[in-house]
Amino acid sequence: MEQLNPVPGEAEKLRALRTMKLVALSFLLAATVIFLVTVLWTDPPPWVGYVRAAAEAGMVGALADWFAVTALFRRPLGLPIPHTAIIPTKKDVLGDSLGEFVGSNFLSEAVVRERLRRVGVAERLGEWLAKPENADRVTAELSTMVRGAVTVLRDEDVQAVLEQAIVTRVMAVPWGPPMGKLLERVMADGGHHKLVDLVCDQAYEWVKRNEERIQGLVSNRAPSWSPKFVDSLVADKLYDEVLEFAWSVKADGNHPMRLAVDKFLQEFAGQLQTDEKVMRRAEDIKRQVLEHPEVQNVFGSVWATAKKLLLNAAEDPSSELRQRVRSGLQTLGGRLAQDAGVRAKVDGWVEGVAAYLVLNYRDEITTLITDTVQRWDADETARKVELQVGRDLQFIRINGTVVGALAGLVIYTVAQLIG
């Protein structure tokens, strides 16, 4: 059997229980003494009969209530009397009844919603968060949680999750049609012209810087029988033509070469969306890119960088992240405190979550109560319960003595009047 946790202030409660037991016992002893005195009184006056009847009935009431209170927790005088030691013997039944009572009266959807509606969770939360010191406290706690979570997570696990989430999603989406639509949109807006201008500028500058290389290329490919001066003239002429062509492409926005590039890009954008061969080629390129070792290393470096930034931001109270979180919390608190519409929405969310938990997990909660009670030691349970309520139950014994005495006095008086 499972032992119960210590009761807070157990020593004080035990002293109070013993004191009240002595008080209740003193009432019984007082009634007993009075009864014996009146019985042993020889030739008593008439009023002694009234006192004796009251004392006798008081003893009966005290003993009856002592038996009733004691029978809750143990067998009176150790005798195996039926229907005694109720709490130890009926512990499991009481646990089931307690679980059913809690489930029916505290874990019903209507009760939970009504209670939360009266509490006004959103308004209280808003007023609390609007105070700077509370926003600072929540921010600090969130920072601690972030540091703990980031520290506990293993880098290889996070990298695997990133790869799984990103690569799987990217692999599942064909690249061809989206890239084709994007290219069409870019061309419709004329955004590709800047890239073409850049390519043309770089091509012209390259030709301009590599005169000797171009001339050498012509000279090296010339026939062996060709005179050198002829090769030089041809190379110079070819270089001038290439340079002039590169300049015209660079300077003329409507150059045929530019128009040919535009036509190619338009056709290519359409092929990416309709041509199966081009679309398969795009998928092959996508696969090669994603499977490249450098791309795999990117995920690790991204997490390492993000981890470092998160830890630094969480540890520094003056970091931009913590300042933004703090400001956001205060703003949220202000809105919750002042905007009735926002409060109603948040309260609705809270009620919905609470109702969902109650409807779906009520049996688990009540089972937790019943299972916990079943694991308790029977005698220890009785002792703990008596420690909690036994002091108040002693008043039953006191009241039984007093009420019994009064009832005996009344009955004796009525009998005397009738007789």
Protein backbone atom coordinates (compact mmCIF):
# COMPACT_ATOMS: atom_id res chain seq x y z
CA MET A 1 0.00 0.00 0.00
CA GLU A 2 1.11 3.52 -0.71
CA GLN A 3 1.86 5.78 2.24
CA LEU A 4 0.17 9.19 2.32
CA ASN A 5 2.17 12.38 2.23
CA PRO A 6 2.64 14.18 5.57
CA VAL A 7 -0.19 16.53 6.51
CA PRO A 8 0.96 20.17 6.91
CA GLY A 9 0.88 21.12 10.62
CA GLU A 10 0.25 17.51 11.64
CA ALA A 11 1.64 17.94 15.17
CA GLU A 12 -0.62 20.92 15.91
CA LYS A 13 -3.68 19.15 14.55
CA LEU A 14 -2.89 16.05 16.62
CA ARG A 15 -2.66 18.16 19.80
CA ALA A 16 -5.95 19.88 18.99
CA LEU A 17 -7.63 16.51 18.35
CA ARG A 18 -6.44 15.08 21.67
CA THR A 19 -7.57 18.18 23.52
CA MET A 20 -11.09 17.96 22.07
CA LYS A 21 -11.25 14.24 22.86
CA LEU A 22 -10.45 15.05 26.49
CA VAL A 23 -13.13 17.74 26.54
CA ALA A 24 -15.74 15.32 25.12
CA LEU A 25 -14.63 12.64 27.58
CA SER A 26 -14.92 15.10 30.48
CA PHE A 27 -18.58 15.68 29.59
CA LEU A 28 -19.19 11.92 29.74
CA LEU A 29 -17.32 11.61 33.04
CA ALA A 30 -19.22 14.55 34.50
CA ALA A 31 -22.55 12.96 33.55
CA THR A 32 -21.39 9.62 35.00
CA VAL A 33 -20.31 11.16 38.30
CA ILE A 34 -23.58 13.04 38.63
CA PHE A 35 -25.54 9.89 37.87
CA LEU A 36 -23.63 7.84 40.49
CA VAL A 37 -24.06 10.53 43.11
CA THR A 38 -27.81 10.70 42.54
CA VAL A 39 -28.14 6.91 42.56
CA LEU A 40 -26.19 6.52 45.81
CA TRP A 41 -28.03 9.39 47.48
CA THR A 42 -30.22 7.88 50.17
CA ASP A 43 -33.58 9.52 50.78
CA PRO A 44 -32.99 12.26 48.13
CA PRO A 45 -35.32 15.20 47.63
CA PRO A 46 -37.70 15.11 44.63
CA TRP A 47 -35.55 17.30 42.37
CA VAL A 48 -32.72 14.73 42.42
CA GLY A 49 -34.82 12.52 40.17
CA TYR A 50 -34.72 15.18 37.49
CA VAL A 51 -30.93 15.49 37.77
CA ARG A 52 -30.50 11.73 37.67
CA ALA A 53 -32.68 11.39 34.57
CA ALA A 54 -30.70 14.15 32.82
CA ALA A 55 -27.37 12.58 33.78
CA GLU A 56 -28.49 9.13 32.72
CA ALA A 57 -29.70 10.33 29.32
CA GLY A 58 -26.52 12.43 28.94
CA MET A 59 -24.40 9.29 29.48
CA VAL A 60 -26.44 7.39 26.91
CA GLY A 61 -26.11 10.21 24.38
CA ALA A 62 -22.39 10.56 25.02
CA LEU A 63 -21.75 6.83 24.66
CA ALA A 64 -23.90 6.57 21.53
CA ASP A 65 -22.13 9.46 19.81
CA TRP A 66 -18.72 8.18 20.96
CA PHE A 67 -19.57 4.87 19.31
CA ALA A 68 -20.76 6.62 16.14
CA VAL A 69 -17.66 8.83 15.81
CA THR A 70 -15.24 6.04 16.67
CA ALA A 71 -16.93 3.62 14.25
CA LEU A 72 -15.99 5.91 11.37
CA PHE A 73 -12.26 5.34 11.88
CA ARG A 74 -11.82 2.06 13.78
CA ARG A 75 -13.63 -0.72 15.61
CA PRO A 76 -14.81 0.51 19.05
CA LEU A 77 -12.86 -1.28 21.80
CA GLY A 78 -11.40 -3.53 19.07
CA LEU A 79 -14.65 -5.51 18.86
CA PRO A 80 -15.59 -6.89 15.41
CA ILE A 81 -18.94 -5.14 15.37
CA PRO A 82 -20.57 -5.00 11.91
CA HIS A 83 -20.61 -1.67 10.08
CA THR A 84 -17.73 -0.18 12.07
CA ALA A 85 -14.28 1.02 10.92
CA ILE A 86 -16.16 2.45 7.95
CA ILE A 87 -13.31 4.46 6.42
CA PRO A 88 -10.68 1.65 6.47
CA THR A 89 -13.09 -1.03 5.22
CA LYS A 90 -14.97 1.16 2.72
CA LYS A 91 -11.95 3.13 1.53
CA ASP A 92 -12.20 1.98 -2.09
CA VAL A 93 -15.94 2.58 -2.20
CA LEU A 94 -15.42 6.06 -0.77
CA GLY A 95 -12.73 6.69 -3.41
CA ASP A 96 -15.14 5.69 -6.18
CA SER A 97 -17.87 7.86 -4.70
CA LEU A 98 -15.46 10.78 -4.35
CA GLY A 99 -14.35 10.43 -7.97
CA GLU A 100 -17.96 10.25 -9.17
CA PHE A 101 -18.90 13.25 -7.02
CA VAL A 102 -16.02 15.34 -8.37
CA GLY A 103 -16.78 14.32 -11.94
CA SER A 104 -20.48 15.12 -11.67
CA ASN A 105 -20.31 18.35 -9.68
CA PHE A 106 -16.94 19.92 -10.55
CA LEU A 107 -15.91 18.54 -13.94
CA SER A 108 -19.07 19.20 -15.93
CA GLU A 109 -18.84 21.50 -18.93
CA ALA A 110 -21.55 23.86 -17.65
CA VAL A 111 -19.86 24.26 -14.25
CA VAL A 112 -16.43 24.88 -15.74
CA ARG A 113 -17.70 27.41 -18.29
CA GLU A 114 -19.78 29.28 -15.70
CA ARG A 115 -16.87 29.40 -13.25
CA LEU A 116 -14.41 30.67 -15.85
CA ARG A 117 -16.93 33.23 -17.04
CA ARG A 118 -17.30 34.61 -13.51
CA VAL A 119 -13.54 34.62 -12.95
CA GLY A 120 -12.84 36.73 -16.04
CA VAL A 121 -9.52 35.13 -16.94
CA ALA A 122 -8.71 37.48 -19.82
CA GLU A 123 -9.33 40.68 -17.84
CA ARG A 124 -7.30 39.52 -14.86
CA LEU A 125 -4.49 38.32 -17.10
CA GLY A 126 -4.51 41.60 -19.00
CA GLU A 127 -4.33 43.72 -15.85
CA TRP A 128 -1.50 41.54 -14.55
CA LEU A 129 0.52 41.58 -17.78
CA ALA A 130 0.10 45.34 -18.22
CA LYS A 131 2.32 45.92 -15.19
CA PRO A 132 5.99 46.22 -16.27
CA GLU A 133 7.32 44.09 -13.42
CA ASN A 134 4.99 41.22 -14.35
CA ALA A 135 5.89 41.48 -18.03
CA ASP A 136 9.57 41.34 -17.01
CA ARG A 137 8.89 38.27 -14.91
CA VAL A 138 7.10 36.43 -17.71
CA THR A 139 9.84 37.40 -20.16
CA ALA A 140 12.50 36.06 -17.80
CA GLU A 141 10.60 32.79 -17.36
CA LEU A 142 10.15 32.42 -21.11
CA SER A 143 13.87 33.08 -21.59
CA THR A 144 14.68 30.36 -19.07
CA MET A 145 12.39 27.95 -20.91
CA VAL A 146 14.00 28.82 -24.26
CA ARG A 147 17.50 28.33 -22.85
CA GLY A 148 16.51 25.01 -21.33
CA ALA A 149 14.85 23.76 -24.50
CA VAL A 150 17.71 24.86 -26.77
CA THR A 151 20.29 23.34 -24.42
CA VAL A 152 18.49 20.01 -24.12
CA LEU A 153 17.94 19.58 -27.85
CA ARG A 154 20.71 17.68 -29.58
CA ASP A 155 22.12 19.37 -32.67
CA GLU A 156 21.95 16.23 -34.79
CA ASP A 157 18.29 15.72 -33.87
CA VAL A 158 17.35 19.27 -34.82
CA GLN A 159 19.33 18.97 -38.05
CA ALA A 160 17.52 15.75 -38.87
CA VAL A 161 14.15 17.39 -38.21
CA LEU A 162 15.05 20.37 -40.39
CA GLU A 163 16.17 18.12 -43.18
CA GLN A 164 13.05 15.99 -42.84
CA ALA A 165 10.71 18.98 -42.79
CA ILE A 166 12.36 21.07 -45.49
CA VAL A 167 13.74 18.47 -47.87
CA THR A 168 10.60 16.33 -47.77
CA ARG A 169 8.39 19.31 -48.49
CA VAL A 170 10.64 20.64 -51.25
CA MET A 171 10.95 17.20 -52.85
CA ALA A 172 7.19 16.77 -52.80
CA VAL A 173 6.57 19.96 -54.79
CA PRO A 174 7.55 19.97 -58.51
CA TRP A 175 9.89 22.81 -59.39
CA GLY A 176 8.98 23.18 -63.05
CA PRO A 177 5.50 24.78 -63.01
CA PRO A 178 6.18 27.18 -60.12
CA MET A 179 9.48 28.29 -61.65
CA GLY A 180 7.78 28.73 -65.01
CA LYS A 181 5.03 30.89 -63.52
CA LEU A 182 7.57 32.90 -61.56
CA LEU A 183 9.65 33.47 -64.70
CA GLU A 184 6.55 34.58 -66.62
CA ARG A 185 5.64 37.03 -63.88
CA VAL A 186 9.19 38.42 -63.76
CA MET A 187 9.24 38.89 -67.52
CA ALA A 188 5.80 40.52 -67.51
CA ASP A 189 7.06 43.05 -64.97
CA GLY A 190 10.31 43.57 -66.89
CA GLY A 191 12.34 42.54 -63.87
CA HIS A 192 14.65 40.34 -65.97
CA HIS A 193 15.99 43.36 -67.87
CA LYS A 194 18.29 44.31 -65.00
CA LEU A 195 19.81 40.84 -65.01
CA VAL A 196 20.23 40.97 -68.81
CA ASP A 197 21.82 44.41 -68.49
CA LEU A 198 24.23 43.08 -65.91
CA VAL A 199 25.19 40.13 -68.11
CA CYS A 200 25.69 42.39 -71.11
CA ASP A 201 27.80 44.81 -69.10
CA GLN A 202 29.98 42.04 -67.76
CA ALA A 203 30.31 40.47 -71.22
CA TYR A 204 31.46 43.77 -72.71
CA GLU A 205 33.94 44.38 -69.89
CA TRP A 206 35.30 40.85 -70.27
CA VAL A 207 35.84 41.27 -74.00
CA LYS A 208 37.47 44.63 -73.38
CA ARG A 209 39.87 43.19 -70.79
CA ASN A 210 40.80 40.06 -72.77
CA GLU A 211 41.98 41.43 -76.11
CA GLU A 212 45.20 39.38 -76.12
CA ARG A 213 43.33 36.18 -75.18
CA ILE A 214 40.84 36.56 -78.02
CA GLN A 215 43.59 37.44 -80.51
CA GLY A 216 45.68 34.53 -79.27
CA LEU A 217 42.77 32.19 -79.76
CA VAL A 218 42.53 33.21 -83.42
CA SER A 219 46.29 32.96 -83.94
CA ASN A 220 46.46 29.51 -82.36
CA ARG A 221 43.67 28.16 -84.59
CA ALA A 222 45.03 29.69 -87.82
CA PRO A 223 46.52 27.28 -90.43
CA SER A 224 50.26 26.72 -90.16
CA TRP A 225 50.80 27.94 -93.70
CA SER A 226 49.05 31.29 -92.99
CA PRO A 227 51.44 34.27 -92.69
CA LYS A 228 51.71 35.74 -89.23
CA PHE A 229 50.79 39.28 -90.30
CA VAL A 230 47.62 37.92 -91.90
CA ASP A 231 46.74 36.09 -88.67
CA SER A 232 47.35 39.30 -86.74
CA LEU A 233 45.12 41.30 -89.09
CA VAL A 234 42.35 38.72 -88.86
CA ALA A 235 42.65 38.57 -85.06
CA ASP A 236 42.50 42.36 -84.76
CA LYS A 237 39.49 42.50 -87.07
CA LEU A 238 37.70 39.72 -85.21
CA TYR A 239 38.37 41.36 -81.85
CA ASP A 240 37.04 44.69 -83.11
CA GLU A 241 33.89 42.97 -84.38
CA VAL A 242 33.34 41.11 -81.12
CA LEU A 243 33.94 44.27 -79.10
CA GLU A 244 31.55 46.25 -81.31
CA PHE A 245 28.94 43.49 -81.02
CA ALA A 246 29.25 43.39 -77.25
CA TRP A 247 28.94 47.17 -77.07
CA SER A 248 25.87 47.25 -79.30
CA VAL A 249 24.19 44.55 -77.21
CA LYS A 250 25.02 46.51 -74.08
CA ALA A 251 23.93 49.90 -75.42
CA ASP A 252 20.84 48.95 -77.48
CA GLY A 253 17.85 47.85 -75.39
CA ASN A 254 16.14 46.52 -78.55
CA HIS A 255 19.11 44.68 -79.94
CA PRO A 256 18.19 41.42 -81.72
CA MET A 257 20.35 39.53 -79.24
CA ARG A 258 18.32 40.91 -76.35
CA LEU A 259 15.09 40.15 -78.15
CA ALA A 260 16.32 36.59 -78.74
CA VAL A 261 17.04 36.22 -75.03
CA ASP A 262 13.54 37.47 -74.20
CA LYS A 263 12.03 35.00 -76.66
CA PHE A 264 14.09 32.16 -75.22
CA LEU A 265 13.06 33.00 -71.68
CA GLN A 266 9.40 33.16 -72.67
CA GLU A 267 9.59 29.80 -74.39
CA PHE A 268 11.52 28.33 -71.48
CA ALA A 269 8.90 29.58 -68.99
CA GLY A 270 6.22 27.82 -70.99
CA GLN A 271 8.26 24.62 -71.32
CA LEU A 272 8.77 24.50 -67.55
CA GLN A 273 5.00 24.28 -67.19
CA THR A 274 4.05 22.07 -70.12
CA ASP A 275 7.06 20.18 -71.51
CA GLU A 276 7.50 16.86 -69.67
CA LYS A 277 11.13 16.55 -70.70
CA VAL A 278 12.03 20.01 -69.38
CA MET A 279 10.04 19.40 -66.21
CA ARG A 280 11.88 16.11 -65.57
CA ARG A 281 15.17 17.90 -66.11
CA ALA A 282 14.18 20.50 -63.54
CA GLU A 283 13.38 17.71 -61.07
CA ASP A 284 16.77 16.11 -61.70
CA ILE A 285 18.49 19.42 -61.01
CA LYS A 286 16.43 19.85 -57.82
CA ARG A 287 17.43 16.40 -56.61
CA GLN A 288 21.10 17.03 -57.35
CA VAL A 289 20.99 20.33 -55.49
CA LEU A 290 19.27 18.94 -52.39
CA GLU A 291 21.53 15.89 -52.22
CA HIS A 292 24.71 17.91 -52.53
CA PRO A 293 26.88 17.66 -49.38
CA GLU A 294 27.20 21.42 -49.11
CA VAL A 295 23.42 21.77 -49.02
CA GLN A 296 23.25 19.15 -46.26
CA ASN A 297 25.80 21.13 -44.27
CA VAL A 298 23.66 24.24 -44.60
CA PHE A 299 21.05 22.79 -42.23
CA GLY A 300 23.65 22.24 -39.54
CA SER A 301 25.09 25.72 -39.92
CA VAL A 302 21.63 27.29 -39.91
CA TRP A 303 20.74 25.57 -36.61
CA ALA A 304 24.12 26.38 -35.08
CA THR A 305 23.68 30.05 -35.95
CA ALA A 306 20.06 30.14 -34.77
CA LYS A 307 21.00 28.35 -31.54
CA LYS A 308 23.75 30.83 -30.77
CA LEU A 309 21.48 33.79 -31.49
CA LEU A 310 18.69 32.37 -29.32
CA LEU A 311 20.98 31.66 -26.37
CA ASN A 312 22.60 35.09 -26.53
CA ALA A 313 19.24 36.84 -26.85
CA ALA A 314 17.69 34.80 -24.03
CA GLU A 315 20.56 35.45 -21.62
CA ASP A 316 20.84 39.19 -22.28
CA PRO A 317 18.03 41.17 -20.54
CA SER A 318 18.67 44.09 -22.87
CA SER A 319 18.57 42.05 -26.07
CA GLU A 320 16.23 43.08 -28.86
CA LEU A 321 14.37 39.79 -28.59
CA ARG A 322 13.60 40.14 -24.87
CA GLN A 323 12.67 43.79 -25.27
CA ARG A 324 10.24 42.93 -28.05
CA VAL A 325 8.75 40.06 -26.04
CA ARG A 326 8.39 42.32 -22.99
CA SER A 327 6.78 45.07 -25.06
CA GLY A 328 4.49 42.58 -26.76
CA LEU A 329 3.33 41.17 -23.43
CA GLN A 330 2.56 44.64 -22.07
CA THR A 331 0.70 45.53 -25.26
CA LEU A 332 -1.28 42.31 -25.05
CA GLY A 333 -2.07 43.01 -21.39
CA GLY A 334 -3.29 46.50 -22.24
CA ARG A 335 -5.55 45.24 -24.99
CA LEU A 336 -6.97 42.51 -22.78
CA ALA A 337 -7.65 45.03 -20.02
CA GLN A 338 -9.27 47.66 -22.27
CA ASP A 339 -10.75 45.91 -25.32
CA ALA A 340 -13.93 44.02 -24.48
CA GLY A 341 -13.94 42.30 -27.87
CA VAL A 342 -10.46 40.86 -27.38
CA ARG A 343 -11.36 39.79 -23.84
CA ALA A 344 -14.45 38.00 -25.06
CA LYS A 345 -12.44 36.19 -27.72
CA VAL A 346 -9.75 35.08 -25.27
CA ASP A 347 -12.31 34.04 -22.68
CA GLY A 348 -14.04 32.02 -25.37
CA TRP A 349 -10.76 30.26 -26.19
CA VAL A 350 -10.09 29.52 -22.53
CA GLU A 351 -13.60 28.19 -21.99
CA GLY A 352 -13.33 26.08 -25.13
CA VAL A 353 -10.03 24.55 -24.05
CA ALA A 354 -11.31 23.87 -20.54
CA ALA A 355 -14.53 22.34 -21.88
CA TYR A 356 -12.56 20.14 -24.27
CA LEU A 357 -10.33 18.90 -21.46
CA VAL A 358 -13.31 18.24 -19.21
CA LEU A 359 -15.29 16.39 -21.87
CA ASN A 360 -12.39 14.28 -23.09
CA TYR A 361 -10.37 13.70 -19.93
CA ARG A 362 -12.93 13.75 -17.12
CA ASP A 363 -12.83 9.97 -16.76
CA GLU A 364 -9.02 10.03 -16.56
CA ILE A 365 -9.15 12.68 -13.81
CA THR A 366 -11.73 10.83 -11.74
CA THR A 367 -9.84 7.58 -12.29
CA LEU A 368 -6.76 9.29 -10.91
CA ILE A 369 -8.71 10.02 -7.71
CA THR A 370 -10.09 6.52 -7.32
CA ASP A 371 -6.78 4.81 -8.16
CA THR A 372 -4.90 7.03 -5.74
CA VAL A 373 -7.34 6.28 -2.91
CA GLN A 374 -7.15 2.56 -3.64
CA ARG A 375 -3.35 2.62 -3.25
CA TRP A 376 -3.54 4.25 0.18
CA ASP A 377 -3.03 2.18 3.32
CA ALA A 378 -6.42 1.70 5.02
CA ASP A 379 -5.35 2.38 8.61
CA GLU A 380 -3.14 5.30 7.58
CA THR A 381 -6.01 6.75 5.58
CA ALA A 382 -8.33 6.57 8.58
CA ARG A 383 -5.71 8.23 10.77
CA LYS A 384 -5.15 11.06 8.29
CA VAL A 385 -8.86 11.69 7.82
CA GLU A 386 -9.42 11.69 11.56
CA LEU A 387 -6.58 14.14 11.94
CA GLN A 388 -8.29 16.50 9.50
CA VAL A 389 -11.91 16.30 10.74
CA GLY A 390 -11.73 14.45 14.06
CA ARG A 391 -11.53 17.62 16.16
CA ASP A 392 -14.81 18.88 14.73
CA LEU A 393 -16.41 15.46 15.16
CA GLN A 394 -15.75 15.63 18.90
CA PHE A 395 -18.39 18.35 19.08
CA ILE A 396 -20.87 15.63 18.11
CA ARG A 397 -19.97 13.79 21.31
CA ILE A 398 -20.28 16.99 23.36
CA ASN A 399 -23.60 17.87 21.74
CA GLY A 400 -24.81 14.29 22.25
CA THR A 401 -24.11 14.56 25.97
CA VAL A 402 -25.87 17.92 26.30
CA VAL A 403 -28.81 17.12 24.03
CA GLY A 404 -29.21 13.68 25.62
CA ALA A 405 -29.33 15.24 29.09
CA LEU A 406 -31.93 17.79 27.99
CA ALA A 407 -33.99 15.10 26.25
CA GLY A 408 -33.85 12.87 29.37
CA LEU A 409 -34.87 15.79 31.55
CA VAL A 410 -37.83 16.59 29.28
CA ILE A 411 -38.95 12.94 29.12
CA TYR A 412 -38.69 12.53 32.89
CA THR A 413 -40.59 15.78 33.46
CA VAL A 414 -43.38 14.71 31.07
CA ALA A 415 -43.56 11.31 32.79
CA GLN A 416 -43.88 12.96 36.17
CA LEU A 417 -46.63 15.25 34.94
CA ILE A 418 -48.57 12.38 33.38
CA GLY A 419 -48.05 10.16 36.42
